[in-house]
Amino acid sequence: VKLPHQEEYLALREKLDPDQVLLSTYWQSNLQIHAKPRSVQAAGPRAKRPSYREAAHRGPFFRMRPTTADYVTDAQTNFEVGFETTATAEHIYDVICGVVPAPEWQGWILRQFSFRTDGDVEGGTVMDEVYAGFAVRVRTVVADRGRRWTASVDACSLPLASRMLQDVNIMDEGALRRIRWTIYFDPLPATAWLVPVAVPMFRRFFEHICRQAQSYAERA
């Protein structure tokens, strides 16, 4: 049984994630998406991976309505990911919010990371993050080191939401720190039908980011 607009979704999905980075076995089964075979390269010199600057986002940015920390009470929908770590609250904060350069810990999925404003990661700092499949421009609105980092997503290469906010809370629980990372957003009416399939994909993306942050923070 096909879902409404399934063909349109599959076409958009193929365009945004041609390498099936965000394809889980759940959606592979339920949407009958065939996994692509992994290509095998012939022996010889390996191709140089593009640098962050060479892989910069060159497409359009769709502007969103800027948000503040109060938006957490007004957002139409949200989803949450998180993890626990033995790293200090200050160190995990520095990793997540950009004090530690993101290319050092996010790995291959991040293509470019750049500050558009000078100075430390404080309120008002703007960063561009270009990932495999999409790009975002985030602006810090709360910078409470070791406790909370909140950032408004002011632009995105995917026209999926009119407003979006990331809210990271770090709770000290003795030997462990518990991190709660919540994404709040208002879907665009034209793409609201995509929410049931888009949210699990982006949840999987943020779960990957959480694992990377935890691993880096605990070994660095």
Protein backbone atom coordinates (compact mmCIF):
# COMPACT_ATOMS: atom_id res chain seq x y z
CA VAL A 1 0.00 0.00 0.00
CA LYS A 2 1.46 3.33 -1.04
CA LEU A 3 1.29 6.39 1.19
CA PRO A 4 -0.08 9.69 -0.13
CA HIS A 5 2.59 11.53 -2.14
CA GLN A 6 4.96 8.59 -1.74
CA GLU A 7 6.35 8.87 -5.26
CA GLU A 8 7.05 12.59 -4.77
CA TYR A 9 8.77 11.85 -1.46
CA LEU A 10 10.93 9.09 -2.95
CA ALA A 11 12.01 11.35 -5.80
CA LEU A 12 12.91 14.13 -3.34
CA ARG A 13 14.67 11.65 -1.09
CA GLU A 14 16.81 10.35 -3.95
CA LYS A 15 17.80 13.91 -4.84
CA LEU A 16 18.74 14.90 -1.26
CA ASP A 17 20.34 11.62 -0.14
CA PRO A 18 21.62 9.84 -3.27
CA ASP A 19 24.14 7.81 -1.25
CA GLN A 20 21.44 6.60 1.20
CA VAL A 21 23.36 7.93 4.20
CA LEU A 22 20.12 8.55 6.12
CA LEU A 23 18.30 5.41 4.97
CA SER A 24 17.45 3.13 7.90
CA THR A 25 16.38 -0.50 7.59
CA TYR A 26 12.95 0.50 8.90
CA TRP A 27 12.24 2.90 6.04
CA GLN A 28 13.95 0.61 3.55
CA SER A 29 11.43 -2.07 4.46
CA ASN A 30 8.28 0.03 4.85
CA LEU A 31 8.80 2.20 1.78
CA GLN A 32 10.26 -0.65 -0.29
CA ILE A 33 13.48 1.25 -1.05
CA HIS A 34 16.18 -1.00 -2.46
CA ALA A 35 19.61 -0.50 -0.93
CA LYS A 36 22.21 0.51 -3.50
CA PRO A 37 25.26 -1.73 -3.87
CA ARG A 38 28.49 -0.25 -2.57
CA SER A 39 30.88 0.51 -5.41
CA VAL A 40 34.32 -1.09 -5.37
CA GLN A 41 37.16 1.04 -6.66
CA ALA A 42 40.01 -0.44 -8.62
CA ALA A 43 43.39 -0.50 -6.94
CA GLY A 44 45.42 2.64 -7.39
CA PRO A 45 45.79 6.11 -5.94
CA ARG A 46 42.77 7.11 -3.87
CA ALA A 47 40.92 10.22 -4.91
CA LYS A 48 41.51 13.20 -2.64
CA ARG A 49 38.43 14.05 -0.57
CA PRO A 50 37.35 17.63 -1.27
CA SER A 51 38.42 20.09 1.39
CA TYR A 52 35.77 21.87 3.45
CA ARG A 53 36.21 25.02 1.41
CA GLU A 54 36.04 23.17 -1.91
CA ALA A 55 32.85 21.42 -0.82
CA ALA A 56 31.11 24.63 0.27
CA HIS A 57 27.37 24.99 -0.22
CA ARG A 58 26.70 26.78 -3.49
CA GLY A 59 22.95 26.39 -3.73
CA PRO A 60 20.21 28.67 -2.39
CA PHE A 61 19.50 29.28 1.27
CA PHE A 62 15.82 29.54 2.21
CA ARG A 63 15.39 32.12 4.93
CA MET A 64 13.47 31.27 8.08
CA ARG A 65 11.90 33.51 10.68
CA PRO A 66 14.52 34.15 13.39
CA THR A 67 13.68 32.66 16.77
CA THR A 68 14.61 33.23 20.41
CA ALA A 69 14.76 30.86 23.38
CA ASP A 70 11.07 31.59 24.10
CA TYR A 71 10.15 29.75 20.90
CA VAL A 72 10.36 26.42 22.77
CA THR A 73 6.88 27.13 24.16
CA ASP A 74 5.38 28.17 20.79
CA ALA A 75 6.76 25.60 18.32
CA GLN A 76 4.26 23.46 16.45
CA THR A 77 6.33 20.28 16.74
CA ASN A 78 9.63 18.96 18.04
CA PHE A 79 11.74 15.85 18.47
CA GLU A 80 14.45 14.98 20.97
CA VAL A 81 17.68 13.02 21.01
CA GLY A 82 20.30 12.69 23.70
CA PHE A 83 23.11 10.76 25.31
CA GLU A 84 25.08 10.33 28.50
CA THR A 85 28.81 10.94 28.86
CA THR A 86 31.60 10.93 31.41
CA ALA A 87 33.12 14.07 29.83
CA THR A 88 32.87 17.31 31.81
CA ALA A 89 29.88 19.56 31.18
CA GLU A 90 32.14 22.34 29.93
CA HIS A 91 33.97 20.08 27.47
CA ILE A 92 30.83 18.56 25.96
CA TYR A 93 29.39 22.09 25.64
CA ASP A 94 32.51 23.25 23.78
CA VAL A 95 32.23 20.29 21.40
CA ILE A 96 28.54 20.76 20.58
CA CYS A 97 28.36 24.54 20.22
CA GLY A 98 31.44 25.10 18.06
CA VAL A 99 34.24 26.12 20.45
CA VAL A 100 35.89 22.89 19.30
CA PRO A 101 35.86 23.15 15.46
CA ALA A 102 33.16 20.83 14.16
CA PRO A 103 35.38 19.20 11.47
CA GLU A 104 37.51 17.75 14.28
CA TRP A 105 34.70 15.55 15.56
CA GLN A 106 31.80 15.32 13.10
CA GLY A 107 33.83 13.45 10.50
CA TRP A 108 32.90 12.74 6.89
CA ILE A 109 29.26 13.85 7.15
CA LEU A 110 30.29 17.50 7.57
CA ARG A 111 31.55 19.06 4.35
CA GLN A 112 32.15 22.64 5.51
CA PHE A 113 32.03 24.60 8.75
CA SER A 114 32.65 28.32 8.95
CA PHE A 115 32.00 31.24 11.29
CA ARG A 116 30.29 34.18 9.64
CA THR A 117 30.97 36.40 12.67
CA ASP A 118 34.13 36.93 14.66
CA GLY A 119 34.84 36.10 18.29
CA ASP A 120 33.87 33.28 20.60
CA VAL A 121 30.64 31.32 20.53
CA GLU A 122 28.41 33.80 22.33
CA GLY A 123 24.96 35.18 21.72
CA GLY A 124 24.63 36.35 18.12
CA THR A 125 27.45 34.26 16.66
CA VAL A 126 26.46 32.88 13.24
CA MET A 127 27.85 29.65 11.75
CA ASP A 128 27.31 27.93 8.40
CA GLU A 129 27.30 24.12 8.46
CA VAL A 130 27.28 22.20 5.17
CA TYR A 131 26.43 18.50 5.50
CA ALA A 132 26.02 15.67 3.03
CA GLY A 133 22.61 16.54 1.58
CA PHE A 134 21.75 19.89 3.17
CA ALA A 135 23.16 23.06 4.73
CA VAL A 136 22.06 25.30 7.61
CA ARG A 137 22.92 28.72 9.02
CA VAL A 138 22.65 28.79 12.81
CA ARG A 139 22.77 31.78 15.18
CA THR A 140 23.50 31.35 18.88
CA VAL A 141 20.83 32.88 21.13
CA VAL A 142 21.76 31.29 24.50
CA ALA A 143 25.37 30.56 25.48
CA ASP A 144 25.56 29.26 29.06
CA ARG A 145 28.75 27.21 29.08
CA GLY A 146 28.36 23.78 30.63
CA ARG A 147 24.57 24.14 30.94
CA ARG A 148 22.72 25.24 27.82
CA TRP A 149 23.30 26.16 24.20
CA THR A 150 20.39 27.38 22.07
CA ALA A 151 20.61 28.35 18.41
CA SER A 152 18.12 29.68 15.89
CA VAL A 153 18.28 28.12 12.43
CA ASP A 154 17.95 31.24 10.33
CA ALA A 155 18.33 29.59 6.90
CA CYS A 156 18.37 26.13 5.36
CA SER A 157 18.98 24.71 1.91
CA LEU A 158 15.81 22.58 2.27
CA PRO A 159 12.44 24.40 2.29
CA LEU A 160 10.91 22.32 5.08
CA ALA A 161 10.16 24.76 7.92
CA SER A 162 9.33 28.41 8.54
CA ARG A 163 11.03 28.48 11.95
CA MET A 164 13.52 26.18 13.68
CA LEU A 165 15.48 26.14 16.93
CA GLN A 166 18.06 23.79 18.45
CA ASP A 167 18.09 23.62 22.25
CA VAL A 168 20.84 21.65 24.02
CA ASN A 169 20.60 21.16 27.78
CA ILE A 170 23.44 19.59 29.79
CA MET A 171 22.52 18.13 33.19
CA ASP A 172 25.19 17.16 35.70
CA GLU A 173 24.22 13.91 37.43
CA GLY A 174 27.28 13.10 39.48
CA ALA A 175 29.58 10.78 37.55
CA LEU A 176 27.63 11.35 34.31
CA ARG A 177 26.41 14.26 32.26
CA ARG A 178 23.06 13.81 30.50
CA ILE A 179 22.55 15.76 27.28
CA ARG A 180 19.09 16.53 25.93
CA TRP A 181 19.12 17.92 22.38
CA THR A 182 15.70 19.12 21.17
CA ILE A 183 14.83 20.43 17.71
CA TYR A 184 11.74 22.66 17.54
CA PHE A 185 10.19 23.67 14.22
CA ASP A 186 7.09 24.89 12.36
CA PRO A 187 6.60 22.92 9.11
CA LEU A 188 5.84 24.85 5.95
CA PRO A 189 2.23 24.18 4.87
CA ALA A 190 3.40 23.07 1.41
CA THR A 191 5.71 20.40 2.84
CA ALA A 192 3.84 19.49 6.04
CA TRP A 193 2.91 16.10 4.54
CA LEU A 194 6.65 15.23 4.64
CA VAL A 195 6.93 15.57 8.43
CA PRO A 196 6.05 11.92 9.28
CA VAL A 197 8.88 10.66 7.06
CA ALA A 198 11.34 13.55 7.45
CA VAL A 199 11.44 13.55 11.26
CA PRO A 200 12.74 9.94 11.57
CA MET A 201 15.44 10.73 9.00
CA PHE A 202 16.59 13.85 10.82
CA ARG A 203 16.32 12.10 14.19
CA ARG A 204 18.72 9.47 12.83
CA PHE A 205 21.04 12.24 11.64
CA PHE A 206 21.11 13.91 15.06
CA GLU A 207 21.59 10.57 16.80
CA HIS A 208 24.69 10.11 14.63
CA ILE A 209 25.92 13.59 15.64
CA CYS A 210 25.33 12.70 19.31
CA ARG A 211 27.42 9.53 18.99
CA GLN A 212 30.21 11.50 17.35
CA ALA A 213 30.12 14.18 20.05
CA GLN A 214 30.14 11.61 22.85
CA SER A 215 33.02 9.65 21.34
CA TYR A 216 35.15 12.74 20.73
CA ALA A 217 34.46 14.33 24.13
CA GLU A 218 35.39 11.18 26.01
CA ARG A 219 38.67 10.56 24.20
CA ALA A 220 39.88 14.15 23.68
